Amino acid sequence: MNNLVAIITPTFKRVSTGELDRCIQSVDAQLYDGWKHYIIGDNCPELASYIHKLETHDRHVKSGKRVLLNLPKNHNDLGVTPLNYGISISIEPYWCVLADDNYWKE
């Protein structure tokens, strides 16, 4: 199935709280499968080790369905720069935003 929807999640300091995990799990629980999930960190210090963990264990990262990036500089603009970066690299015709501290019901 082609991915029609880019889900863009800007993040900063949500790894240790478990909120980013909950956000990711809610995407994985969706019945609709035509998505690609972009998680863009705003130079989040804890994201590097988290990315390594997901690259090892997350089937969506392995398949390319989930993309994790950490910007080299913190912009401190409430996620606007990571969001805009996610929009700029996505190739899907539609996109939506899922904040790192939110989640979707199935």
PDB file of N, CA and C in Angstrom:
ATOM      1  N   MET A   1       0.841  -1.173   0.000  1.00  0.00           N
ATOM      2  CA  MET A   1       0.000   0.000   0.000  1.00  0.00           C
ATOM      3  C   MET A   1       0.890   1.241   0.000  1.00  0.00           C
ATOM      4  N   ASN A   2       0.549   2.207  -0.822  1.00  0.00           N
ATOM      5  CA  ASN A   2       1.275   3.470  -0.813  1.00  0.00           C
ATOM      6  C   ASN A   2       0.893   4.278   0.415  1.00  0.00           C
ATOM      7  N   ASN A   3       1.877   4.996   0.941  1.00  0.00           N
ATOM      8  CA  ASN A   3       1.611   5.848   2.091  1.00  0.00           C
ATOM      9  C   ASN A   3       0.991   7.140   1.611  1.00  0.00           C
ATOM     10  N   LEU A   4      -0.210   7.435   2.073  1.00  0.00           N
ATOM     11  CA  LEU A   4      -0.899   8.656   1.692  1.00  0.00           C
ATOM     12  C   LEU A   4      -0.749   9.760   2.727  1.00  0.00           C
ATOM     13  N   VAL A   5      -0.474   9.383   3.975  1.00  0.00           N
ATOM     14  CA  VAL A   5      -0.473  10.353   5.065  1.00  0.00           C
ATOM     15  C   VAL A   5       0.880  10.347   5.773  1.00  0.00           C
ATOM     16  N   ALA A   6       1.460  11.533   5.883  1.00  0.00           N
ATOM     17  CA  ALA A   6       2.654  11.715   6.707  1.00  0.00           C
ATOM     18  C   ALA A   6       2.193  12.147   8.093  1.00  0.00           C
ATOM     19  N   ILE A   7       2.596  11.407   9.101  1.00  0.00           N
ATOM     20  CA  ILE A   7       2.326  11.789  10.487  1.00  0.00           C
ATOM     21  C   ILE A   7       3.618  12.419  10.995  1.00  0.00           C
ATOM     22  N   ILE A   8       3.546  13.662  11.373  1.00  0.00           N
ATOM     23  CA  ILE A   8       4.746  14.380  11.791  1.00  0.00           C
ATOM     24  C   ILE A   8       4.667  14.664  13.283  1.00  0.00           C
ATOM     25  N   THR A   9       5.678  14.193  14.002  1.00  0.00           N
ATOM     26  CA  THR A   9       5.737  14.362  15.452  1.00  0.00           C
ATOM     27  C   THR A   9       7.008  15.116  15.813  1.00  0.00           C
ATOM     28  N   PRO A  10       6.897  16.426  16.086  1.00  0.00           N
ATOM     29  CA  PRO A  10       8.054  17.143  16.619  1.00  0.00           C
ATOM     30  C   PRO A  10       8.222  16.769  18.089  1.00  0.00           C
ATOM     31  N   THR A  11       9.472  16.656  18.535  1.00  0.00           N
ATOM     32  CA  THR A  11       9.664  16.210  19.916  1.00  0.00           C
ATOM     33  C   THR A  11      10.854  16.898  20.573  1.00  0.00           C
ATOM     34  N   PHE A  12      10.764  17.017  21.887  1.00  0.00           N
ATOM     35  CA  PHE A  12      11.864  17.500  22.715  1.00  0.00           C
ATOM     36  C   PHE A  12      11.602  17.058  24.147  1.00  0.00           C
ATOM     37  N   LYS A  13      12.519  16.290  24.695  1.00  0.00           N
ATOM     38  CA  LYS A  13      12.464  15.838  26.095  1.00  0.00           C
ATOM     39  C   LYS A  13      11.183  15.089  26.449  1.00  0.00           C
ATOM     40  N   ARG A  14      10.738  14.196  25.583  1.00  0.00           N
ATOM     41  CA  ARG A  14       9.564  13.377  25.899  1.00  0.00           C
ATOM     42  C   ARG A  14       9.901  11.890  25.987  1.00  0.00           C
ATOM     43  N   VAL A  15      11.177  11.554  25.817  1.00  0.00           N
ATOM     44  CA  VAL A  15      11.563  10.145  25.850  1.00  0.00           C
ATOM     45  C   VAL A  15      11.471   9.597  27.270  1.00  0.00           C
ATOM     46  N   SER A  16      12.112  10.267  28.210  1.00  0.00           N
ATOM     47  CA  SER A  16      12.176   9.735  29.578  1.00  0.00           C
ATOM     48  C   SER A  16      10.824   9.737  30.272  1.00  0.00           C
ATOM     49  N   THR A  17       9.891  10.551  29.816  1.00  0.00           N
ATOM     50  CA  THR A  17       8.572  10.598  30.451  1.00  0.00           C
ATOM     51  C   THR A  17       7.660   9.477  29.958  1.00  0.00           C
ATOM     52  N   GLY A  18       8.045   8.823  28.866  1.00  0.00           N
ATOM     53  CA  GLY A  18       7.213   7.759  28.304  1.00  0.00           C
ATOM     54  C   GLY A  18       6.153   8.263  27.342  1.00  0.00           C
ATOM     55  N   GLU A  19       6.031   9.573  27.221  1.00  0.00           N
ATOM     56  CA  GLU A  19       4.980  10.120  26.360  1.00  0.00           C
ATOM     57  C   GLU A  19       5.240   9.827  24.882  1.00  0.00           C
ATOM     58  N   LEU A  20       6.496   9.869  24.454  1.00  0.00           N
ATOM     59  CA  LEU A  20       6.795   9.572  23.055  1.00  0.00           C
ATOM     60  C   LEU A  20       6.486   8.107  22.749  1.00  0.00           C
ATOM     61  N   ASP A  21       6.775   7.205  23.680  1.00  0.00           N
ATOM     62  CA  ASP A  21       6.413   5.795  23.490  1.00  0.00           C
ATOM     63  C   ASP A  21       4.902   5.639  23.312  1.00  0.00           C
ATOM     64  N   ARG A  22       4.134   6.316  24.139  1.00  0.00           N
ATOM     65  CA  ARG A  22       2.671   6.238  24.043  1.00  0.00           C
ATOM     66  C   ARG A  22       2.195   6.781  22.700  1.00  0.00           C
ATOM     67  N   CYS A  23       2.789   7.864  22.246  1.00  0.00           N
ATOM     68  CA  CYS A  23       2.462   8.455  20.945  1.00  0.00           C
ATOM     69  C   CYS A  23       2.723   7.446  19.826  1.00  0.00           C
ATOM     70  N   ILE A  24       3.897   6.813  19.848  1.00  0.00           N
ATOM     71  CA  ILE A  24       4.270   5.834  18.820  1.00  0.00           C
ATOM     72  C   ILE A  24       3.340   4.626  18.863  1.00  0.00           C
ATOM     73  N   GLN A  25       3.049   4.133  20.045  1.00  0.00           N
ATOM     74  CA  GLN A  25       2.157   2.976  20.175  1.00  0.00           C
ATOM     75  C   GLN A  25       0.772   3.280  19.638  1.00  0.00           C
ATOM     76  N   SER A  26       0.314   4.516  19.791  1.00  0.00           N
ATOM     77  CA  SER A  26      -1.013   4.863  19.288  1.00  0.00           C
ATOM     78  C   SER A  26      -1.040   4.888  17.761  1.00  0.00           C
ATOM     79  N   VAL A  27       0.058   5.273  17.137  1.00  0.00           N
ATOM     80  CA  VAL A  27       0.150   5.219  15.671  1.00  0.00           C
ATOM     81  C   VAL A  27       0.138   3.761  15.215  1.00  0.00           C
ATOM     82  N   ASP A  28       0.910   2.934  15.892  1.00  0.00           N
ATOM     83  CA  ASP A  28       0.981   1.512  15.533  1.00  0.00           C
ATOM     84  C   ASP A  28      -0.361   0.803  15.691  1.00  0.00           C
ATOM     85  N   ALA A  29      -1.223   1.300  16.560  1.00  0.00           N
ATOM     86  CA  ALA A  29      -2.510   0.652  16.824  1.00  0.00           C
ATOM     87  C   ALA A  29      -3.589   1.019  15.804  1.00  0.00           C
ATOM     88  N   GLN A  30      -3.305   1.927  14.902  1.00  0.00           N
ATOM     89  CA  GLN A  30      -4.317   2.356  13.935  1.00  0.00           C
ATOM     90  C   GLN A  30      -4.652   1.235  12.950  1.00  0.00           C
ATOM     91  N   LEU A  31      -5.893   1.169  12.563  1.00  0.00           N
ATOM     92  CA  LEU A  31      -6.332   0.179  11.582  1.00  0.00           C
ATOM     93  C   LEU A  31      -5.920   0.590  10.165  1.00  0.00           C
ATOM     94  N   TYR A  32      -5.876   1.886   9.912  1.00  0.00           N
ATOM     95  CA  TYR A  32      -5.420   2.390   8.615  1.00  0.00           C
ATOM     96  C   TYR A  32      -3.897   2.301   8.576  1.00  0.00           C
ATOM     97  N   ASP A  33      -3.365   1.732   7.501  1.00  0.00           N
ATOM     98  CA  ASP A  33      -1.935   1.458   7.435  1.00  0.00           C
ATOM     99  C   ASP A  33      -1.203   2.319   6.407  1.00  0.00           C
ATOM    100  N   GLY A  34      -1.870   3.261   5.763  1.00  0.00           N
ATOM    101  CA  GLY A  34      -1.239   4.040   4.708  1.00  0.00           C
ATOM    102  C   GLY A  34      -0.530   5.283   5.220  1.00  0.00           C
ATOM    103  N   TRP A  35       0.301   5.133   6.220  1.00  0.00           N
ATOM    104  CA  TRP A  35       0.993   6.266   6.829  1.00  0.00           C
ATOM    105  C   TRP A  35       2.493   6.059   6.836  1.00  0.00           C
ATOM    106  N   LYS A  36       3.209   7.156   6.990  1.00  0.00           N
ATOM    107  CA  LYS A  36       4.637   7.147   7.298  1.00  0.00           C
ATOM    108  C   LYS A  36       4.824   8.134   8.441  1.00  0.00           C
ATOM    109  N   HIS A  37       5.518   7.715   9.474  1.00  0.00           N
ATOM    110  CA  HIS A  37       5.632   8.500  10.705  1.00  0.00           C
ATOM    111  C   HIS A  37       7.017   9.136  10.779  1.00  0.00           C
ATOM    112  N   TYR A  38       7.040  10.456  10.804  1.00  0.00           N
ATOM    113  CA  TYR A  38       8.274  11.216  10.921  1.00  0.00           C
ATOM    114  C   TYR A  38       8.358  11.768  12.339  1.00  0.00           C
ATOM    115  N   ILE A  39       9.389  11.384  13.069  1.00  0.00           N
ATOM    116  CA  ILE A  39       9.629  11.908  14.408  1.00  0.00           C
ATOM    117  C   ILE A  39      10.884  12.772  14.319  1.00  0.00           C
ATOM    118  N   ILE A  40      10.712  14.064  14.575  1.00  0.00           N
ATOM    119  CA  ILE A  40      11.797  15.015  14.397  1.00  0.00           C
ATOM    120  C   ILE A  40      12.117  15.666  15.737  1.00  0.00           C
ATOM    121  N   GLY A  41      13.316  15.409  16.248  1.00  0.00           N
ATOM    122  CA  GLY A  41      13.739  15.992  17.511  1.00  0.00           C
ATOM    123  C   GLY A  41      14.371  17.353  17.316  1.00  0.00           C
ATOM    124  N   ASP A  42      14.136  18.245  18.260  1.00  0.00           N
ATOM    125  CA  ASP A  42      14.725  19.583  18.238  1.00  0.00           C
ATOM    126  C   ASP A  42      16.019  19.571  19.052  1.00  0.00           C
ATOM    127  N   ASN A  43      17.016  18.830  18.526  1.00  0.00           N
ATOM    128  CA  ASN A  43      18.294  18.629  19.207  1.00  0.00           C
ATOM    129  C   ASN A  43      18.068  18.112  20.631  1.00  0.00           C
ATOM    130  N   CYS A  44      17.236  17.109  20.708  1.00  0.00           N
ATOM    131  CA  CYS A  44      16.869  16.502  21.988  1.00  0.00           C
ATOM    132  C   CYS A  44      18.015  15.618  22.479  1.00  0.00           C
ATOM    133  N   PRO A  45      18.597  15.891  23.646  1.00  0.00           N
ATOM    134  CA  PRO A  45      19.765  15.146  24.109  1.00  0.00           C
ATOM    135  C   PRO A  45      19.511  13.655  24.311  1.00  0.00           C
ATOM    136  N   GLU A  46      18.316  13.282  24.722  1.00  0.00           N
ATOM    137  CA  GLU A  46      18.040  11.873  25.006  1.00  0.00           C
ATOM    138  C   GLU A  46      17.576  11.098  23.763  1.00  0.00           C
ATOM    139  N   LEU A  47      17.384  11.788  22.655  1.00  0.00           N
ATOM    140  CA  LEU A  47      16.823  11.137  21.477  1.00  0.00           C
ATOM    141  C   LEU A  47      17.819  10.232  20.760  1.00  0.00           C
ATOM    142  N   ALA A  48      19.107  10.526  20.838  1.00  0.00           N
ATOM    143  CA  ALA A  48      20.107   9.727  20.130  1.00  0.00           C
ATOM    144  C   ALA A  48      20.082   8.261  20.569  1.00  0.00           C
ATOM    145  N   SER A  49      20.077   8.017  21.874  1.00  0.00           N
ATOM    146  CA  SER A  49      20.042   6.634  22.356  1.00  0.00           C
ATOM    147  C   SER A  49      18.677   5.994  22.077  1.00  0.00           C
ATOM    148  N   TYR A  50      17.629   6.793  22.112  1.00  0.00           N
ATOM    149  CA  TYR A  50      16.284   6.286  21.815  1.00  0.00           C
ATOM    150  C   TYR A  50      16.184   5.854  20.351  1.00  0.00           C
ATOM    151  N   ILE A  51      16.770   6.655  19.462  1.00  0.00           N
ATOM    152  CA  ILE A  51      16.783   6.302  18.039  1.00  0.00           C
ATOM    153  C   ILE A  51      17.501   4.977  17.842  1.00  0.00           C
ATOM    154  N   HIS A  52      18.635   4.816  18.514  1.00  0.00           N
ATOM    155  CA  HIS A  52      19.380   3.556  18.395  1.00  0.00           C
ATOM    156  C   HIS A  52      18.531   2.380  18.873  1.00  0.00           C
ATOM    157  N   LYS A  53      17.817   2.557  19.963  1.00  0.00           N
ATOM    158  CA  LYS A  53      16.944   1.501  20.494  1.00  0.00           C
ATOM    159  C   LYS A  53      15.863   1.144  19.472  1.00  0.00           C
ATOM    160  N   LEU A  54      15.217   2.155  18.901  1.00  0.00           N
ATOM    161  CA  LEU A  54      14.147   1.891  17.936  1.00  0.00           C
ATOM    162  C   LEU A  54      14.683   1.274  16.647  1.00  0.00           C
ATOM    163  N   GLU A  55      15.866   1.698  16.219  1.00  0.00           N
ATOM    164  CA  GLU A  55      16.444   1.113  15.006  1.00  0.00           C
ATOM    165  C   GLU A  55      16.677  -0.382  15.170  1.00  0.00           C
ATOM    166  N   THR A  56      16.892  -0.797  16.394  1.00  0.00           N
ATOM    167  CA  THR A  56      17.135  -2.210  16.685  1.00  0.00           C
ATOM    168  C   THR A  56      15.841  -3.003  16.842  1.00  0.00           C
ATOM    169  N   HIS A  57      14.801  -2.389  17.425  1.00  0.00           N
ATOM    170  CA  HIS A  57      13.619  -3.143  17.832  1.00  0.00           C
ATOM    171  C   HIS A  57      12.316  -2.791  17.114  1.00  0.00           C
ATOM    172  N   ASP A  58      12.243  -1.667  16.428  1.00  0.00           N
ATOM    173  CA  ASP A  58      10.977  -1.207  15.847  1.00  0.00           C
ATOM    174  C   ASP A  58      10.868  -1.651  14.388  1.00  0.00           C
ATOM    175  N   ARG A  59       9.888  -2.480  14.081  1.00  0.00           N
ATOM    176  CA  ARG A  59       9.739  -2.990  12.717  1.00  0.00           C
ATOM    177  C   ARG A  59       9.434  -1.879  11.718  1.00  0.00           C
ATOM    178  N   HIS A  60       8.792  -0.820  12.165  1.00  0.00           N
ATOM    179  CA  HIS A  60       8.475   0.279  11.262  1.00  0.00           C
ATOM    180  C   HIS A  60       9.712   1.112  10.921  1.00  0.00           C
ATOM    181  N   VAL A  61      10.650   1.215  11.848  1.00  0.00           N
ATOM    182  CA  VAL A  61      11.911   1.890  11.550  1.00  0.00           C
ATOM    183  C   VAL A  61      12.703   1.035  10.562  1.00  0.00           C
ATOM    184  N   LYS A  62      12.734  -0.259  10.808  1.00  0.00           N
ATOM    185  CA  LYS A  62      13.477  -1.164   9.922  1.00  0.00           C
ATOM    186  C   LYS A  62      12.929  -1.149   8.503  1.00  0.00           C
ATOM    187  N   SER A  63      11.619  -1.011   8.366  1.00  0.00           N
ATOM    188  CA  SER A  63      11.006  -1.026   7.029  1.00  0.00           C
ATOM    189  C   SER A  63      11.000   0.347   6.365  1.00  0.00           C
ATOM    190  N   GLY A  64      11.360   1.391   7.103  1.00  0.00           N
ATOM    191  CA  GLY A  64      11.344   2.745   6.558  1.00  0.00           C
ATOM    192  C   GLY A  64      10.012   3.456   6.716  1.00  0.00           C
ATOM    193  N   LYS A  65       9.078   2.818   7.384  1.00  0.00           N
ATOM    194  CA  LYS A  65       7.760   3.410   7.593  1.00  0.00           C
ATOM    195  C   LYS A  65       7.780   4.461   8.704  1.00  0.00           C
ATOM    196  N   ARG A  66       8.789   4.388   9.558  1.00  0.00           N
ATOM    197  CA  ARG A  66       8.970   5.397  10.612  1.00  0.00           C
ATOM    198  C   ARG A  66      10.382   5.962  10.473  1.00  0.00           C
ATOM    199  N   VAL A  67      10.473   7.279  10.431  1.00  0.00           N
ATOM    200  CA  VAL A  67      11.745   7.978  10.257  1.00  0.00           C
ATOM    201  C   VAL A  67      12.019   8.780  11.519  1.00  0.00           C
ATOM    202  N   LEU A  68      13.220   8.631  12.068  1.00  0.00           N
ATOM    203  CA  LEU A  68      13.600   9.376  13.267  1.00  0.00           C
ATOM    204  C   LEU A  68      14.819  10.236  12.962  1.00  0.00           C
ATOM    205  N   LEU A  69      14.690  11.532  13.207  1.00  0.00           N
ATOM    206  CA  LEU A  69      15.786  12.464  12.978  1.00  0.00           C
ATOM    207  C   LEU A  69      15.896  13.403  14.173  1.00  0.00           C
ATOM    208  N   ASN A  70      17.115  13.836  14.440  1.00  0.00           N
ATOM    209  CA  ASN A  70      17.351  14.791  15.523  1.00  0.00           C
ATOM    210  C   ASN A  70      18.100  15.976  14.925  1.00  0.00           C
ATOM    211  N   LEU A  71      17.494  17.140  14.929  1.00  0.00           N
ATOM    212  CA  LEU A  71      18.125  18.321  14.353  1.00  0.00           C
ATOM    213  C   LEU A  71      19.395  18.670  15.123  1.00  0.00           C
ATOM    214  N   PRO A  72      20.418  19.192  14.434  1.00  0.00           N
ATOM    215  CA  PRO A  72      21.706  19.454  15.089  1.00  0.00           C
ATOM    216  C   PRO A  72      21.710  20.661  16.011  1.00  0.00           C
ATOM    217  N   LYS A  73      20.674  21.491  15.945  1.00  0.00           N
ATOM    218  CA  LYS A  73      20.616  22.708  16.753  1.00  0.00           C
ATOM    219  C   LYS A  73      19.229  22.827  17.377  1.00  0.00           C
ATOM    220  N   ASN A  74      19.174  23.254  18.636  1.00  0.00           N
ATOM    221  CA  ASN A  74      17.898  23.488  19.285  1.00  0.00           C
ATOM    222  C   ASN A  74      17.372  24.854  18.886  1.00  0.00           C
ATOM    223  N   HIS A  75      16.116  24.891  18.450  1.00  0.00           N
ATOM    224  CA  HIS A  75      15.513  26.138  17.999  1.00  0.00           C
ATOM    225  C   HIS A  75      14.606  26.771  19.049  1.00  0.00           C
ATOM    226  N   ASN A  76      14.221  25.998  20.043  1.00  0.00           N
ATOM    227  CA  ASN A  76      13.428  26.507  21.161  1.00  0.00           C
ATOM    228  C   ASN A  76      12.227  27.324  20.681  1.00  0.00           C
ATOM    229  N   ASP A  77      11.496  26.762  19.707  1.00  0.00           N
ATOM    230  CA  ASP A  77      10.341  27.475  19.153  1.00  0.00           C
ATOM    231  C   ASP A  77       9.064  26.636  19.226  1.00  0.00           C
ATOM    232  N   LEU A  78       8.952  25.863  20.312  1.00  0.00           N
ATOM    233  CA  LEU A  78       7.767  25.042  20.578  1.00  0.00           C
ATOM    234  C   LEU A  78       7.490  24.023  19.488  1.00  0.00           C
ATOM    235  N   GLY A  79       8.539  23.556  18.817  1.00  0.00           N
ATOM    236  CA  GLY A  79       8.388  22.500  17.816  1.00  0.00           C
ATOM    237  C   GLY A  79       8.103  22.969  16.410  1.00  0.00           C
ATOM    238  N   VAL A  80       8.104  24.273  16.184  1.00  0.00           N
ATOM    239  CA  VAL A  80       7.786  24.783  14.843  1.00  0.00           C
ATOM    240  C   VAL A  80       8.839  24.358  13.829  1.00  0.00           C
ATOM    241  N   THR A  81      10.121  24.511  14.144  1.00  0.00           N
ATOM    242  CA  THR A  81      11.177  24.140  13.195  1.00  0.00           C
ATOM    243  C   THR A  81      11.177  22.645  12.913  1.00  0.00           C
ATOM    244  N   PRO A  82      11.112  21.764  13.932  1.00  0.00           N
ATOM    245  CA  PRO A  82      11.036  20.339  13.617  1.00  0.00           C
ATOM    246  C   PRO A  82       9.798  19.982  12.788  1.00  0.00           C
ATOM    247  N   LEU A  83       8.678  20.608  13.076  1.00  0.00           N
ATOM    248  CA  LEU A  83       7.463  20.358  12.302  1.00  0.00           C
ATOM    249  C   LEU A  83       7.660  20.765  10.848  1.00  0.00           C
ATOM    250  N   ASN A  84       8.172  21.969  10.630  1.00  0.00           N
ATOM    251  CA  ASN A  84       8.403  22.425   9.262  1.00  0.00           C
ATOM    252  C   ASN A  84       9.407  21.549   8.535  1.00  0.00           C
ATOM    253  N   TYR A  85      10.421  21.072   9.246  1.00  0.00           N
ATOM    254  CA  TYR A  85      11.390  20.174   8.622  1.00  0.00           C
ATOM    255  C   TYR A  85      10.711  18.863   8.223  1.00  0.00           C
ATOM    256  N   GLY A  86       9.882  18.330   9.092  1.00  0.00           N
ATOM    257  CA  GLY A  86       9.148  17.101   8.762  1.00  0.00           C
ATOM    258  C   GLY A  86       8.269  17.274   7.539  1.00  0.00           C
ATOM    259  N   ILE A  87       7.592  18.412   7.455  1.00  0.00           N
ATOM    260  CA  ILE A  87       6.760  18.688   6.276  1.00  0.00           C
ATOM    261  C   ILE A  87       7.628  18.756   5.027  1.00  0.00           C
ATOM    262  N   SER A  88       8.790  19.387   5.137  1.00  0.00           N
ATOM    263  CA  SER A  88       9.642  19.577   3.960  1.00  0.00           C
ATOM    264  C   SER A  88      10.235  18.274   3.428  1.00  0.00           C
ATOM    265  N   ILE A  89      10.450  17.278   4.289  1.00  0.00           N
ATOM    266  CA  ILE A  89      11.041  16.026   3.803  1.00  0.00           C
ATOM    267  C   ILE A  89      10.000  14.961   3.465  1.00  0.00           C
ATOM    268  N   SER A  90       8.762  15.170   3.869  1.00  0.00           N
ATOM    269  CA  SER A  90       7.739  14.160   3.583  1.00  0.00           C
ATOM    270  C   SER A  90       7.357  14.216   2.108  1.00  0.00           C
ATOM    271  N   ILE A  91       7.039  13.046   1.562  1.00  0.00           N
ATOM    272  CA  ILE A  91       6.645  12.969   0.150  1.00  0.00           C
ATOM    273  C   ILE A  91       5.181  12.564   0.001  1.00  0.00           C
ATOM    274  N   GLU A  92       4.517  12.324   1.101  1.00  0.00           N
ATOM    275  CA  GLU A  92       3.120  11.912   1.072  1.00  0.00           C
ATOM    276  C   GLU A  92       2.246  13.110   0.703  1.00  0.00           C
ATOM    277  N   PRO A  93       1.118  12.876   0.012  1.00  0.00           N
ATOM    278  CA  PRO A  93       0.275  13.993  -0.408  1.00  0.00           C
ATOM    279  C   PRO A  93      -0.479  14.675   0.738  1.00  0.00           C
ATOM    280  N   TYR A  94      -0.646  13.992   1.847  1.00  0.00           N
ATOM    281  CA  TYR A  94      -1.349  14.559   3.003  1.00  0.00           C
ATOM    282  C   TYR A  94      -0.460  14.403   4.232  1.00  0.00           C
ATOM    283  N   TRP A  95      -0.611  15.324   5.162  1.00  0.00           N
ATOM    284  CA  TRP A  95       0.129  15.194   6.411  1.00  0.00           C
ATOM    285  C   TRP A  95      -0.733  15.668   7.568  1.00  0.00           C
ATOM    286  N   CYS A  96      -0.375  15.179   8.738  1.00  0.00           N
ATOM    287  CA  CYS A  96      -1.040  15.602   9.963  1.00  0.00           C
ATOM    288  C   CYS A  96       0.009  15.683  11.063  1.00  0.00           C
ATOM    289  N   VAL A  97      -0.334  16.352  12.123  1.00  0.00           N
ATOM    290  CA  VAL A  97       0.584  16.541  13.241  1.00  0.00           C
ATOM    291  C   VAL A  97       0.072  15.747  14.439  1.00  0.00           C
ATOM    292  N   LEU A  98       0.967  14.985  15.028  1.00  0.00           N
ATOM    293  CA  LEU A  98       0.670  14.296  16.283  1.00  0.00           C
ATOM    294  C   LEU A  98       1.749  14.719  17.274  1.00  0.00           C
ATOM    295  N   ALA A  99       1.376  15.550  18.225  1.00  0.00           N
ATOM    296  CA  ALA A  99       2.343  16.051  19.200  1.00  0.00           C
ATOM    297  C   ALA A  99       2.923  14.903  20.015  1.00  0.00           C
ATOM    298  N   ASP A 100       4.144  15.087  20.459  1.00  0.00           N
ATOM    299  CA  ASP A 100       4.842  14.024  21.191  1.00  0.00           C
ATOM    300  C   ASP A 100       4.214  13.687  22.531  1.00  0.00           C
ATOM    301  N   ASP A 101       3.384  14.546  23.048  1.00  0.00           N
ATOM    302  CA  ASP A 101       2.722  14.262  24.324  1.00  0.00           C
ATOM    303  C   ASP A 101       1.241  13.936  24.139  1.00  0.00           C
ATOM    304  N   ASN A 102       0.850  13.615  22.919  1.00  0.00           N
ATOM    305  CA  ASN A 102      -0.526  13.227  22.634  1.00  0.00           C
ATOM    306  C   ASN A 102      -0.549  11.830  22.025  1.00  0.00           C
ATOM    307  N   TYR A 103      -1.742  11.306  21.841  1.00  0.00           N
ATOM    308  CA  TYR A 103      -1.882   9.984  21.247  1.00  0.00           C
ATOM    309  C   TYR A 103      -3.252   9.879  20.604  1.00  0.00           C
ATOM    310  N   TRP A 104      -3.394   8.887  19.735  1.00  0.00           N
ATOM    311  CA  TRP A 104      -4.671   8.632  19.071  1.00  0.00           C
ATOM    312  C   TRP A 104      -5.298   7.372  19.634  1.00  0.00           C
ATOM    313  N   LYS A 105      -6.607   7.365  19.696  1.00  0.00           N
ATOM    314  CA  LYS A 105      -7.318   6.133  20.003  1.00  0.00           C
ATOM    315  C   LYS A 105      -7.418   5.328  18.723  1.00  0.00           C
ATOM    316  N   GLU A 106      -7.550   4.021  18.865  1.00  0.00           N
ATOM    317  CA  GLU A 106      -7.648   3.144  17.696  1.00  0.00           C
ATOM    318  C   GLU A 106      -8.844   3.520  16.849  1.00  0.00           C
TER     319      GLU A 106
END
